[in-house]
N, C-alpha and C. Protein backbone atom coordinates (compact mmCIF):
# COMPACT_ATOMS: atom_id res chain seq x y z
N MET A 1 83.61 95.01 135.33
CA MET A 1 84.49 94.54 134.22
C MET A 1 85.57 93.68 134.73
N THR A 2 85.95 92.58 134.10
CA THR A 2 87.09 91.84 134.54
C THR A 2 88.15 92.41 133.70
N TYR A 3 89.39 91.91 134.25
CA TYR A 3 90.73 92.22 133.48
C TYR A 3 90.64 91.64 132.14
N ARG A 4 90.18 90.39 132.02
CA ARG A 4 90.25 89.82 130.52
C ARG A 4 89.39 90.61 129.66
N GLU A 5 88.19 91.13 130.04
CA GLU A 5 87.19 92.07 129.27
C GLU A 5 88.02 93.43 128.92
N PHE A 6 88.86 93.91 129.99
CA PHE A 6 89.48 95.08 129.75
C PHE A 6 90.50 94.81 128.67
N LEU A 7 91.23 93.65 128.73
CA LEU A 7 92.40 93.61 127.82
C LEU A 7 91.65 93.19 126.32
N GLU A 8 90.52 92.77 126.24
CA GLU A 8 89.71 92.56 124.86
C GLU A 8 89.33 93.78 124.35
N LEU A 9 88.86 94.63 125.28
CA LEU A 9 88.53 96.10 124.67
C LEU A 9 89.82 96.81 124.16
N LEU A 10 90.79 96.70 125.12
CA LEU A 10 92.20 97.34 124.54
C LEU A 10 92.50 96.88 123.39
N GLU A 11 92.40 95.42 123.22
CA GLU A 11 92.65 94.97 121.61
C GLU A 11 91.65 95.50 120.73
N GLU A 12 90.44 95.49 120.79
CA GLU A 12 89.36 95.91 120.00
C GLU A 12 89.66 97.49 119.56
N LEU A 13 90.25 98.21 120.48
CA LEU A 13 90.59 99.85 120.26
C LEU A 13 91.95 100.00 119.67
N GLN A 14 92.61 98.85 119.46
CA GLN A 14 93.96 98.91 118.84
C GLN A 14 94.95 99.64 119.85
N LEU A 15 94.85 99.43 121.32
CA LEU A 15 95.54 100.12 122.12
C LEU A 15 96.25 98.98 122.89
N ASP A 16 97.32 99.30 123.89
CA ASP A 16 97.96 98.28 124.52
C ASP A 16 98.12 98.81 126.07
N LEU A 17 98.94 97.87 126.84
CA LEU A 17 99.00 98.08 128.13
C LEU A 17 99.64 99.36 128.52
N ASP A 18 100.78 99.88 127.62
CA ASP A 18 101.42 101.34 127.62
C ASP A 18 100.47 102.35 127.46
N SER A 19 99.49 102.21 126.62
CA SER A 19 98.50 103.53 126.40
C SER A 19 97.70 103.40 127.72
N ALA A 20 97.31 102.38 128.17
CA ALA A 20 96.59 102.41 129.21
C ALA A 20 97.24 102.98 130.46
N SER A 21 98.31 102.59 130.73
CA SER A 21 99.16 102.82 131.73
C SER A 21 99.57 104.46 131.74
N GLU A 22 99.61 104.83 130.53
CA GLU A 22 99.73 106.36 130.46
C GLU A 22 98.46 106.98 130.66
N ALA A 23 97.58 106.69 130.07
CA ALA A 23 96.25 107.15 130.41
C ALA A 23 95.57 107.39 131.81
N LEU A 24 95.80 106.42 132.39
CA LEU A 24 95.38 106.06 133.84
C LEU A 24 96.42 106.51 134.90
N ASP A 25 97.70 106.84 134.30
CA ASP A 25 98.77 107.32 135.37
C ASP A 25 99.11 106.21 136.41
N LEU A 26 99.27 104.93 135.66
CA LEU A 26 99.52 103.70 136.51
C LEU A 26 100.88 102.99 135.85
N GLU A 27 101.54 102.27 136.82
CA GLU A 27 102.52 101.55 136.20
C GLU A 27 101.92 100.32 135.56
N ILE A 28 102.64 99.54 134.57
CA ILE A 28 102.00 98.59 133.70
C ILE A 28 101.67 97.26 134.76
N SER A 29 102.73 97.18 135.79
CA SER A 29 102.46 96.13 136.67
C SER A 29 101.38 96.27 137.57
N ASP A 30 100.86 97.50 137.87
CA ASP A 30 99.66 97.79 138.68
C ASP A 30 98.48 97.23 137.91
N ILE A 31 98.55 97.61 136.54
CA ILE A 31 97.38 97.19 135.64
C ILE A 31 97.41 95.51 135.77
N GLU A 32 98.45 94.92 135.33
CA GLU A 32 98.74 93.54 135.45
C GLU A 32 98.10 93.02 136.67
N ALA A 33 98.25 93.51 137.85
CA ALA A 33 97.74 93.14 139.23
C ALA A 33 96.39 92.84 139.19
N TRP A 34 95.62 93.61 138.23
CA TRP A 34 94.14 93.40 138.25
C TRP A 34 93.73 92.19 137.96
N GLU A 35 94.63 91.35 137.27
CA GLU A 35 94.23 90.00 136.84
C GLU A 35 93.79 89.13 138.13
N GLU A 36 94.40 89.38 139.37
CA GLU A 36 94.12 88.52 140.36
C GLU A 36 92.66 89.12 141.06
N GLU A 37 92.35 90.23 140.61
CA GLU A 37 90.98 90.86 141.27
C GLU A 37 89.76 90.41 140.46
N GLU A 38 88.69 90.52 141.00
CA GLU A 38 87.48 90.05 140.43
C GLU A 38 86.94 91.14 139.36
N GLU A 39 87.30 92.38 139.82
CA GLU A 39 86.89 93.57 138.89
C GLU A 39 87.82 94.57 138.97
N ILE A 40 88.07 95.39 137.51
CA ILE A 40 89.15 96.37 137.56
C ILE A 40 88.65 97.35 138.31
N PRO A 41 89.33 98.41 138.67
CA PRO A 41 88.93 99.80 139.29
C PRO A 41 87.87 100.48 138.28
N LYS A 42 86.89 101.02 139.08
CA LYS A 42 85.86 101.78 138.26
C LYS A 42 86.63 103.01 137.44
N SER A 43 87.70 103.51 137.95
CA SER A 43 88.24 104.68 136.93
C SER A 43 88.64 104.21 135.56
N ALA A 44 89.16 102.92 135.55
CA ALA A 44 89.95 102.10 134.47
C ALA A 44 88.79 101.82 133.68
N GLU A 45 87.68 101.28 134.14
CA GLU A 45 86.36 101.09 133.58
C GLU A 45 85.74 102.20 132.73
N LYS A 46 85.87 103.23 133.56
CA LYS A 46 85.04 104.57 133.03
C LYS A 46 85.93 104.98 131.88
N TRP A 47 87.42 105.00 131.94
CA TRP A 47 88.31 105.21 130.83
C TRP A 47 88.10 104.43 129.59
N ILE A 48 88.08 103.13 129.77
CA ILE A 48 87.93 102.14 128.61
C ILE A 48 86.73 102.45 127.90
N LYS A 49 85.70 102.67 128.80
CA LYS A 49 84.29 102.74 127.97
C LYS A 49 84.26 104.27 127.25
N LYS A 50 85.11 105.36 127.73
CA LYS A 50 85.01 106.46 127.16
C LYS A 50 85.93 106.37 125.77
N GLU A 51 87.04 105.41 125.86
CA GLU A 51 87.68 105.25 124.53
C GLU A 51 86.93 104.66 123.63
N LYS A 52 86.25 103.64 123.97
CA LYS A 52 85.31 102.83 123.22
C LYS A 52 84.37 103.79 122.14
N VAL A 53 83.78 104.75 123.07
CA VAL A 53 82.69 105.69 122.42
C VAL A 53 83.68 106.62 121.52
N GLU A 54 84.61 106.97 121.84
CA GLU A 54 85.44 108.04 121.04
C GLU A 54 85.79 107.01 119.77
N PHE A 55 86.34 105.71 119.93
CA PHE A 55 86.79 105.00 118.73
C PHE A 55 85.46 104.80 117.76
N ALA A 56 84.39 104.56 118.36
CA ALA A 56 82.98 104.39 117.69
C ALA A 56 82.81 105.61 116.92
N THR A 57 82.90 106.71 117.46
CA THR A 57 82.64 108.03 116.75
C THR A 57 83.67 108.28 115.66
N LEU A 58 84.89 108.15 115.88
CA LEU A 58 85.89 108.20 114.62
C LEU A 58 85.57 107.49 113.62
N ASN A 59 85.26 106.19 113.81
CA ASN A 59 84.79 105.21 112.58
C ASN A 59 83.54 105.35 112.10
N ASN A 60 82.68 106.08 112.70
CA ASN A 60 81.44 106.24 112.14
C ASN A 60 81.06 107.63 111.51
N THR A 61 82.18 108.36 110.97
CA THR A 61 81.92 109.79 110.42
C THR A 61 81.34 109.70 109.14
N ASN A 62 80.77 110.61 108.69
CA ASN A 62 80.18 110.54 107.26
C ASN A 62 81.02 111.41 106.18
N GLU A 63 82.22 111.29 106.43
CA GLU A 63 83.20 112.13 105.80
C GLU A 63 82.67 111.73 104.05
N ASP A 64 82.61 110.49 103.71
CA ASP A 64 82.35 109.98 102.48
C ASP A 64 81.04 110.15 101.96
N GLU A 65 80.32 110.99 102.78
CA GLU A 65 78.93 111.14 102.19
C GLU A 65 78.45 111.73 100.96
N ASN A 66 79.43 112.78 100.53
CA ASN A 66 79.15 113.26 99.23
C ASN A 66 80.27 112.97 98.24
N PHE A 67 80.95 111.64 98.50
CA PHE A 67 81.97 111.36 97.59
C PHE A 67 81.52 110.65 96.43
N GLU A 68 81.98 111.21 95.30
CA GLU A 68 81.62 110.63 94.05
C GLU A 68 82.78 109.69 93.54
N GLU A 69 82.30 108.59 93.04
CA GLU A 69 83.42 107.79 92.54
C GLU A 69 83.87 108.23 91.44
N GLU A 70 85.13 108.24 91.16
CA GLU A 70 85.81 108.53 89.98
C GLU A 70 86.10 107.37 89.18
N GLU A 71 86.18 107.53 88.09
CA GLU A 71 86.38 106.57 87.03
C GLU A 71 88.00 105.93 87.26
N ASP A 72 88.23 104.95 87.25
CA ASP A 72 89.54 104.24 87.35
C ASP A 72 90.31 104.63 86.00
N GLU A 73 90.94 105.69 86.13
CA GLU A 73 91.97 105.90 84.83
C GLU A 73 93.43 105.41 84.99
N ASN A 74 93.88 104.97 83.77
CA ASN A 74 95.20 104.84 83.65
C ASN A 74 95.63 103.35 84.54
N LEU A 75 94.58 102.84 84.92
CA LEU A 75 94.91 101.37 85.51
C LEU A 75 95.64 100.40 84.49
N ASP A 76 95.04 100.40 83.39
CA ASP A 76 95.54 99.38 82.38
C ASP A 76 96.38 99.99 81.49
N ASP A 77 97.45 99.36 81.11
CA ASP A 77 98.52 99.76 80.10
C ASP A 77 98.06 99.65 78.60
N ASP A 78 98.21 100.71 77.87
CA ASP A 78 97.61 100.72 76.52
C ASP A 78 97.69 99.45 75.86
N ASP A 79 98.74 98.78 75.97
CA ASP A 79 99.18 97.61 75.17
C ASP A 79 98.71 96.33 75.91
N GLY A 80 98.25 96.45 77.35
CA GLY A 80 97.67 95.44 77.98
C GLY A 80 98.98 94.67 78.95
N ASP A 81 100.16 94.86 78.69
CA ASP A 81 101.16 94.35 79.44
C ASP A 81 101.63 95.47 80.37
N LEU A 82 101.91 94.91 81.62
CA LEU A 82 102.48 95.80 82.78
C LEU A 82 103.98 95.32 82.83
N ASP A 83 104.66 96.35 82.90
CA ASP A 83 106.16 96.16 83.16
C ASP A 83 106.51 96.00 84.67
N LEU A 84 106.68 94.92 85.20
CA LEU A 84 106.87 94.72 86.61
C LEU A 84 108.23 94.37 86.94
N THR A 85 109.09 94.74 85.99
CA THR A 85 110.67 94.43 86.38
C THR A 85 111.02 95.59 87.24
N VAL A 86 111.86 95.28 88.16
CA VAL A 86 112.49 96.28 88.97
C VAL A 86 114.00 96.67 88.56
N GLU A 87 114.19 97.55 88.51
CA GLU A 87 115.91 97.92 88.47
C GLU A 87 116.66 98.02 89.56
N GLU A 88 117.73 97.43 89.78
CA GLU A 88 118.53 97.43 90.70
C GLU A 88 119.42 98.48 90.79
N ASP A 89 119.52 99.22 91.94
CA ASP A 89 120.50 100.07 91.94
C ASP A 89 121.88 99.80 92.05
N GLU A 90 122.65 100.68 91.27
CA GLU A 90 124.13 100.10 91.07
C GLU A 90 124.91 100.10 92.38
N GLU A 91 124.57 101.05 93.43
CA GLU A 91 125.22 100.95 94.56
C GLU A 91 125.00 99.89 95.59
N GLU A 92 123.96 99.27 95.26
CA GLU A 92 123.50 98.24 96.00
C GLU A 92 124.34 96.77 95.95
N LYS A 93 124.81 96.82 94.49
CA LYS A 93 125.59 95.65 94.08
C LYS A 93 126.67 95.35 94.97
């Protein structure tokens, strides 16, 4: 895995170099130095792949399997007009 692929996976997983640095117990500058290498260390590749599997597992839960849609109640005002005015706080003036 290249450094660029590693960065793309970090972005996909909504992680940053700080997260990777902490998880891998490395300085950010050490991780950034991988850009000059053909491949990132195997330990980093193993970690990011594990994170990807965990991320996919979290996003594929069946929590809503038994979810029943509720009717949208009280979304419309009885008179059809919504009051969108905002009252200013006297202290802010």
